[in-house]
């Protein structure tokens, strides 16, 4: 977690974005982006054993539009926390027991 110049919390991990009810948005160099539900995305990373830090998570995303144009996977420039809204890309959600266990570890 880091703080902005205004003193507000800024998520640096997918789990932090999920706990604070943000969406996760990878942004490609072509300008294309997609918004993912942070809780379901965190669960995918947790199950696969991947690091959920934004800087390391970039390696697990690629732009479909650039891939169709260039013929290979193109990694996004950055991943950022965005405002949550309806219509996000949702993956499999963790069961309630796993989610509460993770939140308990986060707050300690």
Foldseek 3Di string as FASTA:
>chain_A
DDADPVRHDFDQFLVVLQVVVWWKWFAAPVGDIATARSQQVVVVCVVVVHGGGFVRCQVVDFDPVVCVVVVDTGTGPTMGTHHDDPPHDGDDGDPPVVNVVVVVVVVD
